[in-house]
């Protein structure tokens, strides 16, 4: 099931919830138990890591086989890795 971000207009709580696609428009707020609305335009909260050749870290493409290697190489070459925490 996909994760969606909701904003409760009653208490201001922003939260994520796994919902079936058909039921994604509204969700019950865990704080005040009122109906919260789907927040549109927020990126997905989970970005799966894919190992392979990374071309934009160093001058030449390098093979990255784990999140740890990606972190280490980004630190070495002064870039920022997203979606690995």
C-alpha atoms as a PDB file:
ATOM      1  CA  UNK A   1       0.000   0.000   0.000  1.00  0.00           C
ATOM      2  CA  UNK A   2       1.310   3.482  -0.809  1.00  0.00           C
ATOM      3  CA  UNK A   3       2.105   6.056   1.876  1.00  0.00           C
ATOM      4  CA  UNK A   4       0.271   9.371   1.745  1.00  0.00           C
ATOM      5  CA  UNK A   5       0.757  12.604   3.693  1.00  0.00           C
ATOM      6  CA  UNK A   6      -2.279  14.149   5.367  1.00  0.00           C
ATOM      7  CA  UNK A   7      -2.951  17.519   7.006  1.00  0.00           C
ATOM      8  CA  UNK A   8      -5.666  17.855   9.647  1.00  0.00           C
ATOM      9  CA  UNK A   9      -7.435  21.216   9.372  1.00  0.00           C
ATOM     10  CA  UNK A  10      -8.895  20.717  12.859  1.00  0.00           C
ATOM     11  CA  UNK A  11      -5.681  20.352  14.922  1.00  0.00           C
ATOM     12  CA  UNK A  12      -2.936  21.086  12.352  1.00  0.00           C
ATOM     13  CA  UNK A  13      -1.351  17.632  12.644  1.00  0.00           C
ATOM     14  CA  UNK A  14       0.628  16.505   9.568  1.00  0.00           C
ATOM     15  CA  UNK A  15       1.076  12.733   9.365  1.00  0.00           C
ATOM     16  CA  UNK A  16       1.714   9.861   6.964  1.00  0.00           C
ATOM     17  CA  UNK A  17      -0.540   6.866   6.555  1.00  0.00           C
ATOM     18  CA  UNK A  18      -0.549   3.773   4.336  1.00  0.00           C
ATOM     19  CA  UNK A  19      -3.883   3.775   2.522  1.00  0.00           C
ATOM     20  CA  UNK A  20      -5.427   1.869  -0.377  1.00  0.00           C
ATOM     21  CA  UNK A  21      -5.436   4.079  -3.473  1.00  0.00           C
ATOM     22  CA  UNK A  22      -9.244   4.105  -3.566  1.00  0.00           C
ATOM     23  CA  UNK A  23      -9.351   5.526   0.011  1.00  0.00           C
ATOM     24  CA  UNK A  24      -6.477   8.022  -0.298  1.00  0.00           C
ATOM     25  CA  UNK A  25      -8.461  11.306  -0.337  1.00  0.00           C
ATOM     26  CA  UNK A  26      -9.272  11.372   3.396  1.00  0.00           C
ATOM     27  CA  UNK A  27      -7.991   9.721   6.563  1.00  0.00           C
ATOM     28  CA  UNK A  28      -8.752   9.902  10.295  1.00  0.00           C
ATOM     29  CA  UNK A  29      -6.283  12.083  12.220  1.00  0.00           C
ATOM     30  CA  UNK A  30      -4.487  10.056  14.926  1.00  0.00           C
ATOM     31  CA  UNK A  31      -4.339  13.155  17.178  1.00  0.00           C
ATOM     32  CA  UNK A  32      -7.940  14.447  17.228  1.00  0.00           C
ATOM     33  CA  UNK A  33      -9.769  11.667  15.309  1.00  0.00           C
ATOM     34  CA  UNK A  34     -11.284  14.132  12.825  1.00  0.00           C
ATOM     35  CA  UNK A  35     -11.141  13.745   9.043  1.00  0.00           C
ATOM     36  CA  UNK A  36      -7.821  14.944   7.575  1.00  0.00           C
ATOM     37  CA  UNK A  37      -7.249  15.835   3.931  1.00  0.00           C
ATOM     38  CA  UNK A  38      -4.639  14.447   1.566  1.00  0.00           C
ATOM     39  CA  UNK A  39      -1.706  16.825   1.094  1.00  0.00           C
ATOM     40  CA  UNK A  40      -1.007  17.185  -2.611  1.00  0.00           C
ATOM     41  CA  UNK A  41       2.440  17.717  -4.049  1.00  0.00           C
ATOM     42  CA  UNK A  42       4.592  16.185  -1.323  1.00  0.00           C
ATOM     43  CA  UNK A  43       7.205  13.691  -2.511  1.00  0.00           C
ATOM     44  CA  UNK A  44       6.974  10.044  -1.561  1.00  0.00           C
ATOM     45  CA  UNK A  45       8.516   9.303   1.803  1.00  0.00           C
ATOM     46  CA  UNK A  46      10.327   6.191   0.682  1.00  0.00           C
ATOM     47  CA  UNK A  47      12.857   6.140  -2.132  1.00  0.00           C
ATOM     48  CA  UNK A  48      14.256   2.652  -2.719  1.00  0.00           C
ATOM     49  CA  UNK A  49      18.025   2.395  -3.029  1.00  0.00           C
ATOM     50  CA  UNK A  50      19.274   0.944  -6.318  1.00  0.00           C
ATOM     51  CA  UNK A  51      22.818  -0.290  -6.606  1.00  0.00           C
ATOM     52  CA  UNK A  52      24.738   0.183  -9.831  1.00  0.00           C
ATOM     53  CA  UNK A  53      26.880   2.658 -11.726  1.00  0.00           C
ATOM     54  CA  UNK A  54      26.634   6.228 -10.458  1.00  0.00           C
ATOM     55  CA  UNK A  55      27.782   8.816 -13.006  1.00  0.00           C
ATOM     56  CA  UNK A  56      27.305  12.065 -11.090  1.00  0.00           C
ATOM     57  CA  UNK A  57      29.426  11.496  -7.973  1.00  0.00           C
ATOM     58  CA  UNK A  58      32.971  11.580  -9.349  1.00  0.00           C
ATOM     59  CA  UNK A  59      34.653  12.480 -12.647  1.00  0.00           C
ATOM     60  CA  UNK A  60      34.295   8.885 -13.823  1.00  0.00           C
ATOM     61  CA  UNK A  61      31.333   6.552 -13.180  1.00  0.00           C
ATOM     62  CA  UNK A  62      31.741   4.402 -10.062  1.00  0.00           C
ATOM     63  CA  UNK A  63      29.946   1.251  -8.982  1.00  0.00           C
ATOM     64  CA  UNK A  64      28.019   1.589  -5.713  1.00  0.00           C
ATOM     65  CA  UNK A  65      26.888  -1.673  -4.115  1.00  0.00           C
ATOM     66  CA  UNK A  66      25.356  -0.465  -0.842  1.00  0.00           C
ATOM     67  CA  UNK A  67      23.971   2.570   0.958  1.00  0.00           C
ATOM     68  CA  UNK A  68      27.139   2.641   3.066  1.00  0.00           C
ATOM     69  CA  UNK A  69      29.315   2.860  -0.071  1.00  0.00           C
ATOM     70  CA  UNK A  70      27.095   5.627  -1.434  1.00  0.00           C
ATOM     71  CA  UNK A  71      27.431   7.640   1.807  1.00  0.00           C
ATOM     72  CA  UNK A  72      31.218   7.147   1.867  1.00  0.00           C
ATOM     73  CA  UNK A  73      31.684   8.172  -1.773  1.00  0.00           C
ATOM     74  CA  UNK A  74      29.409  11.190  -1.429  1.00  0.00           C
ATOM     75  CA  UNK A  75      31.414  12.326   1.603  1.00  0.00           C
ATOM     76  CA  UNK A  76      34.665  11.750  -0.312  1.00  0.00           C
ATOM     77  CA  UNK A  77      33.556  13.733  -3.391  1.00  0.00           C
ATOM     78  CA  UNK A  78      31.520  16.416  -1.604  1.00  0.00           C
ATOM     79  CA  UNK A  79      28.034  15.589  -2.806  1.00  0.00           C
ATOM     80  CA  UNK A  80      24.758  14.794  -1.038  1.00  0.00           C
ATOM     81  CA  UNK A  81      22.997  11.429  -1.219  1.00  0.00           C
ATOM     82  CA  UNK A  82      19.204  11.489  -0.882  1.00  0.00           C
ATOM     83  CA  UNK A  83      16.870   8.669   0.072  1.00  0.00           C
ATOM     84  CA  UNK A  84      19.391   6.506   1.912  1.00  0.00           C
ATOM     85  CA  UNK A  85      18.404   7.066   5.546  1.00  0.00           C
END
